Amino acid sequence: MSLSDGTVLYHGSYAAIEGIDLEKCSEGKDFGKGFYLTSNEDQARRFIRTSLLKAQSLGQIEVGQRFGYVSAFRFRKPVTPLSIFEFPTADVHWLRFVSLNRRSALAVKLREKVDPRLTCADVIIGKVANDTTNPVITTYLNGLYGSLDDPKSASVAISLLLPDRLKDQYCFATNRAVACLEPMGVTRCEL
């Protein structure tokens, strides 16, 4: 996982992405509010199903829509460097940050243990937590795997989040970062 000039990234959704508006992005995701992409086109394609279900439940699209889109973007390195934070592995630091974003009310005590560079990062890169993220994190934060300071409890939670099941995620958290994404095209995908 790295981000260099020319890196191609993909976004899978129920809708084609014409322009990126961070105000439309949801909070409560692994790395917080931002526009999420992956370097793996198949992973983006698989995410379409989740996006469709969410959009249907919110009434944004008609129930029964069986297609979505993969939008491709090329990263263009800006003249002034971005603040990029990368989690090379799913470790305790990754778990704390994901927990803080996914379950902020329960994770207040972790706030002081999270790297302060994350609060001002333009782009955050790392592993993806699985679809059962919230129950696992809630159990972890409530101390049912052990003390939050015990490395074994973090290890149990990380293993249950299956971070190696998917390739990666790139969270573009600022408009400055989003401005570095050059649209390359959109592919309609039938499910």
Foldseek 3Di string as FASTA:
>chain_A
DDADAFQKWKAKAQEEDPADDQVPFDFQFLLGRFGKTGSDQVVNPVCHVVRLVVCCVVVVDPPPDFKIKMWMWGFHADPDGFAEAEDAACALQSLLNSLCRNPVVLSVVSVVVHDPSSVRGQKYKYFHFDPVLPVLSVCLSVQVLHDSPDRRSSVVSSVNRPRVPDDMMMGRNDPVRSVRIHTDDMDMGGD
